[in-house]
């Protein structure tokens, strides 16, 4: 049954994320901007994901990032929506709003327009907020608009899976400690 609907060919990754989330009895939520619901869609392609996945927020407009996720207007003014600061605040806001153990967030420039020299098309920030703190990854992705969005989802799920690796929870830098 390889070939989840949203992320073709990634069903094994989704199964592993699900296995690891269930084993650790963790809950998950998402906040999405440039991915527009693809991350939550990928997670719900996995049968039984309701065991750990509680939901998500698609916060495409800045006012939704502020009003729903609690992103500070000052963050948007000083750094913009496509920034590590915004991604981190989105993840923290989703964790708080959805009352989950772990939250993922994505914000970026999917293109084909909207890029600048400082923030080119394909620049995406992924954030993970967990009981041990938060982390942000900068992704530089290529391809079509859909390709960038799908790659961002894939890379974010792979990061989550690595954070959930057995033994990782005992690391002093674990975002998801035991």
C-alpha atoms as a PDB file:
ATOM      1  CA  UNK A   1       0.000   0.000   0.000  1.00  0.00           C
ATOM      2  CA  UNK A   2       2.882   2.376  -0.709  1.00  0.00           C
ATOM      3  CA  UNK A   3       1.730   5.645  -2.189  1.00  0.00           C
ATOM      4  CA  UNK A   4      -0.109   7.876   0.230  1.00  0.00           C
ATOM      5  CA  UNK A   5      -2.413  10.302  -1.569  1.00  0.00           C
ATOM      6  CA  UNK A   6      -0.735  13.603  -0.690  1.00  0.00           C
ATOM      7  CA  UNK A   7       2.848  12.315  -0.616  1.00  0.00           C
ATOM      8  CA  UNK A   8       3.190   9.609  -3.256  1.00  0.00           C
ATOM      9  CA  UNK A   9       5.774   7.008  -2.320  1.00  0.00           C
ATOM     10  CA  UNK A  10       6.010   8.097   1.319  1.00  0.00           C
ATOM     11  CA  UNK A  11       3.649   5.693   2.988  1.00  0.00           C
ATOM     12  CA  UNK A  12       6.491   3.899   4.819  1.00  0.00           C
ATOM     13  CA  UNK A  13       7.664   7.216   6.271  1.00  0.00           C
ATOM     14  CA  UNK A  14       4.138   8.008   7.436  1.00  0.00           C
ATOM     15  CA  UNK A  15       3.799   4.538   8.956  1.00  0.00           C
ATOM     16  CA  UNK A  16       7.086   4.991  10.823  1.00  0.00           C
ATOM     17  CA  UNK A  17       6.054   8.421  12.127  1.00  0.00           C
ATOM     18  CA  UNK A  18       2.793   6.879  13.309  1.00  0.00           C
ATOM     19  CA  UNK A  19       4.547   3.936  14.962  1.00  0.00           C
ATOM     20  CA  UNK A  20       6.965   6.200  16.798  1.00  0.00           C
ATOM     21  CA  UNK A  21       4.291   8.683  17.889  1.00  0.00           C
ATOM     22  CA  UNK A  22       2.101   5.867  19.221  1.00  0.00           C
ATOM     23  CA  UNK A  23       4.994   4.116  20.971  1.00  0.00           C
ATOM     24  CA  UNK A  24       5.828   7.315  22.842  1.00  0.00           C
ATOM     25  CA  UNK A  25       2.140   8.180  23.380  1.00  0.00           C
ATOM     26  CA  UNK A  26       2.612  11.630  21.853  1.00  0.00           C
ATOM     27  CA  UNK A  27       0.119  13.898  20.140  1.00  0.00           C
ATOM     28  CA  UNK A  28       0.825  16.032  17.075  1.00  0.00           C
ATOM     29  CA  UNK A  29      -0.544  19.185  15.488  1.00  0.00           C
ATOM     30  CA  UNK A  30       0.512  21.362  12.567  1.00  0.00           C
ATOM     31  CA  UNK A  31       0.518  24.995  11.477  1.00  0.00           C
ATOM     32  CA  UNK A  32       0.900  25.579   7.759  1.00  0.00           C
ATOM     33  CA  UNK A  33       1.342  28.551   5.499  1.00  0.00           C
ATOM     34  CA  UNK A  34       3.027  27.780   2.164  1.00  0.00           C
ATOM     35  CA  UNK A  35       2.067  24.088   2.309  1.00  0.00           C
ATOM     36  CA  UNK A  36      -1.612  25.013   2.554  1.00  0.00           C
ATOM     37  CA  UNK A  37      -2.748  21.867   4.371  1.00  0.00           C
ATOM     38  CA  UNK A  38      -0.545  19.327   2.612  1.00  0.00           C
ATOM     39  CA  UNK A  39       1.242  18.373   5.843  1.00  0.00           C
ATOM     40  CA  UNK A  40      -1.999  17.664   7.674  1.00  0.00           C
ATOM     41  CA  UNK A  41      -3.326  15.951   4.554  1.00  0.00           C
ATOM     42  CA  UNK A  42      -0.315  13.648   4.397  1.00  0.00           C
ATOM     43  CA  UNK A  43      -0.720  12.714   8.051  1.00  0.00           C
ATOM     44  CA  UNK A  44      -4.407  11.922   7.596  1.00  0.00           C
ATOM     45  CA  UNK A  45      -3.585   9.669   4.629  1.00  0.00           C
ATOM     46  CA  UNK A  46      -2.304   7.242   7.268  1.00  0.00           C
ATOM     47  CA  UNK A  47      -5.124   5.032   8.556  1.00  0.00           C
ATOM     48  CA  UNK A  48      -5.435   5.369  12.317  1.00  0.00           C
ATOM     49  CA  UNK A  49      -3.547   8.678  12.466  1.00  0.00           C
ATOM     50  CA  UNK A  50      -6.294  10.007  14.731  1.00  0.00           C
ATOM     51  CA  UNK A  51      -4.489   8.062  17.473  1.00  0.00           C
ATOM     52  CA  UNK A  52      -1.868  10.820  17.529  1.00  0.00           C
ATOM     53  CA  UNK A  53      -2.750  13.582  15.032  1.00  0.00           C
ATOM     54  CA  UNK A  54      -5.119  16.145  16.533  1.00  0.00           C
ATOM     55  CA  UNK A  55      -5.364  18.671  13.710  1.00  0.00           C
ATOM     56  CA  UNK A  56      -3.904  21.716  12.103  1.00  0.00           C
ATOM     57  CA  UNK A  57      -4.257  25.338  11.140  1.00  0.00           C
ATOM     58  CA  UNK A  58      -3.711  26.698   7.654  1.00  0.00           C
ATOM     59  CA  UNK A  59      -2.575  30.246   8.383  1.00  0.00           C
ATOM     60  CA  UNK A  60      -1.882  31.614   4.926  1.00  0.00           C
ATOM     61  CA  UNK A  61      -2.646  35.246   5.736  1.00  0.00           C
ATOM     62  CA  UNK A  62      -0.540  37.103   8.271  1.00  0.00           C
ATOM     63  CA  UNK A  63      -3.630  38.192  10.197  1.00  0.00           C
ATOM     64  CA  UNK A  64      -4.477  34.512  10.760  1.00  0.00           C
ATOM     65  CA  UNK A  65      -0.938  33.834  11.943  1.00  0.00           C
ATOM     66  CA  UNK A  66      -1.433  36.618  14.504  1.00  0.00           C
ATOM     67  CA  UNK A  67      -5.068  36.071  15.508  1.00  0.00           C
ATOM     68  CA  UNK A  68      -5.118  32.275  15.610  1.00  0.00           C
ATOM     69  CA  UNK A  69      -1.537  31.146  16.222  1.00  0.00           C
ATOM     70  CA  UNK A  70      -0.357  34.084  18.308  1.00  0.00           C
ATOM     71  CA  UNK A  71       2.519  35.124  16.054  1.00  0.00           C
ATOM     72  CA  UNK A  72       3.601  38.543  17.297  1.00  0.00           C
ATOM     73  CA  UNK A  73       2.957  41.416  14.854  1.00  0.00           C
ATOM     74  CA  UNK A  74       6.463  42.642  15.726  1.00  0.00           C
ATOM     75  CA  UNK A  75       7.894  39.338  14.434  1.00  0.00           C
ATOM     76  CA  UNK A  76       6.153  39.821  11.097  1.00  0.00           C
ATOM     77  CA  UNK A  77       7.207  43.483  10.880  1.00  0.00           C
ATOM     78  CA  UNK A  78      10.864  42.817  11.730  1.00  0.00           C
ATOM     79  CA  UNK A  79      11.438  39.437  10.090  1.00  0.00           C
ATOM     80  CA  UNK A  80       8.486  38.742   7.780  1.00  0.00           C
ATOM     81  CA  UNK A  81       6.296  35.681   7.466  1.00  0.00           C
ATOM     82  CA  UNK A  82       9.077  33.740   5.768  1.00  0.00           C
ATOM     83  CA  UNK A  83      11.525  33.651   8.646  1.00  0.00           C
ATOM     84  CA  UNK A  84      12.785  31.255  11.292  1.00  0.00           C
ATOM     85  CA  UNK A  85      11.230  33.480  13.948  1.00  0.00           C
ATOM     86  CA  UNK A  86       7.773  33.262  12.377  1.00  0.00           C
ATOM     87  CA  UNK A  87       8.050  29.492  11.883  1.00  0.00           C
ATOM     88  CA  UNK A  88       8.999  28.998  15.533  1.00  0.00           C
ATOM     89  CA  UNK A  89       6.108  31.151  16.757  1.00  0.00           C
ATOM     90  CA  UNK A  90       3.702  29.282  14.468  1.00  0.00           C
ATOM     91  CA  UNK A  91       4.817  25.927  15.906  1.00  0.00           C
ATOM     92  CA  UNK A  92       4.578  27.174  19.486  1.00  0.00           C
ATOM     93  CA  UNK A  93       1.157  28.641  18.753  1.00  0.00           C
ATOM     94  CA  UNK A  94      -0.101  25.394  17.221  1.00  0.00           C
ATOM     95  CA  UNK A  95       1.209  23.403  20.184  1.00  0.00           C
ATOM     96  CA  UNK A  96      -0.641  25.709  22.582  1.00  0.00           C
ATOM     97  CA  UNK A  97      -3.843  26.049  20.533  1.00  0.00           C
ATOM     98  CA  UNK A  98      -4.208  22.364  19.688  1.00  0.00           C
ATOM     99  CA  UNK A  99      -2.986  21.211  23.121  1.00  0.00           C
ATOM    100  CA  UNK A 100      -0.534  18.702  21.655  1.00  0.00           C
ATOM    101  CA  UNK A 101       2.854  17.409  22.721  1.00  0.00           C
ATOM    102  CA  UNK A 102       4.529  18.194  19.402  1.00  0.00           C
ATOM    103  CA  UNK A 103       3.735  20.734  16.696  1.00  0.00           C
ATOM    104  CA  UNK A 104       5.221  21.254  13.250  1.00  0.00           C
ATOM    105  CA  UNK A 105       5.048  24.453  11.215  1.00  0.00           C
ATOM    106  CA  UNK A 106       5.895  25.414   7.641  1.00  0.00           C
ATOM    107  CA  UNK A 107       6.245  28.863   6.111  1.00  0.00           C
ATOM    108  CA  UNK A 108       8.005  29.813   2.911  1.00  0.00           C
ATOM    109  CA  UNK A 109       7.973  30.992  -0.689  1.00  0.00           C
ATOM    110  CA  UNK A 110       6.550  28.285  -2.954  1.00  0.00           C
ATOM    111  CA  UNK A 111       6.563  30.408  -6.107  1.00  0.00           C
ATOM    112  CA  UNK A 112       6.530  30.809  -8.953  1.00  0.00           C
ATOM    113  CA  UNK A 113       6.390  34.493  -7.961  1.00  0.00           C
ATOM    114  CA  UNK A 114       6.921  36.254  -4.667  1.00  0.00           C
ATOM    115  CA  UNK A 115      10.620  35.566  -4.308  1.00  0.00           C
ATOM    116  CA  UNK A 116      13.232  38.224  -3.614  1.00  0.00           C
ATOM    117  CA  UNK A 117      17.036  38.063  -3.576  1.00  0.00           C
ATOM    118  CA  UNK A 118      16.886  37.766   0.229  1.00  0.00           C
ATOM    119  CA  UNK A 119      13.987  35.301   0.232  1.00  0.00           C
ATOM    120  CA  UNK A 120      14.010  33.409  -3.063  1.00  0.00           C
ATOM    121  CA  UNK A 121      11.418  30.983  -4.340  1.00  0.00           C
ATOM    122  CA  UNK A 122      12.067  27.656  -2.630  1.00  0.00           C
ATOM    123  CA  UNK A 123      13.074  29.119   0.740  1.00  0.00           C
ATOM    124  CA  UNK A 124      11.034  27.352   3.418  1.00  0.00           C
ATOM    125  CA  UNK A 125      11.358  27.317   7.191  1.00  0.00           C
ATOM    126  CA  UNK A 126      10.197  24.244   9.079  1.00  0.00           C
ATOM    127  CA  UNK A 127       9.756  24.402  12.836  1.00  0.00           C
ATOM    128  CA  UNK A 128       9.223  21.736  15.459  1.00  0.00           C
ATOM    129  CA  UNK A 129       8.052  22.588  18.977  1.00  0.00           C
ATOM    130  CA  UNK A 130       8.071  19.894  21.622  1.00  0.00           C
ATOM    131  CA  UNK A 131       8.363  19.469  25.378  1.00  0.00           C
ATOM    132  CA  UNK A 132      12.136  19.976  25.143  1.00  0.00           C
ATOM    133  CA  UNK A 133      11.985  23.248  23.228  1.00  0.00           C
ATOM    134  CA  UNK A 134      11.844  24.248  19.606  1.00  0.00           C
ATOM    135  CA  UNK A 135      13.984  23.972  16.535  1.00  0.00           C
ATOM    136  CA  UNK A 136      13.890  25.523  13.080  1.00  0.00           C
ATOM    137  CA  UNK A 137      15.338  24.214   9.824  1.00  0.00           C
ATOM    138  CA  UNK A 138      15.982  26.268   6.715  1.00  0.00           C
ATOM    139  CA  UNK A 139      15.149  24.413   3.519  1.00  0.00           C
ATOM    140  CA  UNK A 140      16.281  25.505   0.056  1.00  0.00           C
ATOM    141  CA  UNK A 141      14.064  23.628  -2.375  1.00  0.00           C
ATOM    142  CA  UNK A 142      13.704  23.628  -6.134  1.00  0.00           C
ATOM    143  CA  UNK A 143      11.079  22.664  -8.636  1.00  0.00           C
ATOM    144  CA  UNK A 144       7.526  23.664  -9.333  1.00  0.00           C
ATOM    145  CA  UNK A 145       5.224  25.264  -6.776  1.00  0.00           C
ATOM    146  CA  UNK A 146       3.711  21.881  -5.964  1.00  0.00           C
ATOM    147  CA  UNK A 147       7.142  20.257  -5.933  1.00  0.00           C
ATOM    148  CA  UNK A 148       8.451  22.777  -3.400  1.00  0.00           C
ATOM    149  CA  UNK A 149       5.406  22.291  -1.182  1.00  0.00           C
ATOM    150  CA  UNK A 150       5.613  18.493  -1.320  1.00  0.00           C
ATOM    151  CA  UNK A 151       9.379  18.527  -0.684  1.00  0.00           C
ATOM    152  CA  UNK A 152       8.842  20.759   2.353  1.00  0.00           C
ATOM    153  CA  UNK A 153       6.286  18.315   3.752  1.00  0.00           C
ATOM    154  CA  UNK A 154       8.544  15.335   3.052  1.00  0.00           C
ATOM    155  CA  UNK A 155      11.604  16.911   4.676  1.00  0.00           C
ATOM    156  CA  UNK A 156       9.606  18.028   7.707  1.00  0.00           C
ATOM    157  CA  UNK A 157       8.193  14.546   8.259  1.00  0.00           C
ATOM    158  CA  UNK A 158      11.678  13.045   7.894  1.00  0.00           C
ATOM    159  CA  UNK A 159      12.950  15.500  10.531  1.00  0.00           C
ATOM    160  CA  UNK A 160      10.108  14.537  12.883  1.00  0.00           C
ATOM    161  CA  UNK A 161      10.879  10.861  12.335  1.00  0.00           C
ATOM    162  CA  UNK A 162      14.562  11.449  13.198  1.00  0.00           C
ATOM    163  CA  UNK A 163      13.580  13.327  16.357  1.00  0.00           C
ATOM    164  CA  UNK A 164      11.460  10.308  17.326  1.00  0.00           C
ATOM    165  CA  UNK A 165      14.221   7.723  16.760  1.00  0.00           C
ATOM    166  CA  UNK A 166      14.603   5.313  19.673  1.00  0.00           C
ATOM    167  CA  UNK A 167      17.239   6.665  22.044  1.00  0.00           C
ATOM    168  CA  UNK A 168      16.968  10.210  20.675  1.00  0.00           C
ATOM    169  CA  UNK A 169      14.705  11.213  23.566  1.00  0.00           C
ATOM    170  CA  UNK A 170      17.642  10.800  25.986  1.00  0.00           C
ATOM    171  CA  UNK A 171      19.846  13.297  24.137  1.00  0.00           C
ATOM    172  CA  UNK A 172      20.458  16.516  26.099  1.00  0.00           C
ATOM    173  CA  UNK A 173      19.371  18.430  22.958  1.00  0.00           C
ATOM    174  CA  UNK A 174      16.183  16.439  22.349  1.00  0.00           C
ATOM    175  CA  UNK A 175      13.191  18.513  21.271  1.00  0.00           C
ATOM    176  CA  UNK A 176      11.002  15.572  22.218  1.00  0.00           C
ATOM    177  CA  UNK A 177      12.498  14.151  25.434  1.00  0.00           C
ATOM    178  CA  UNK A 178      11.020  11.177  27.281  1.00  0.00           C
END
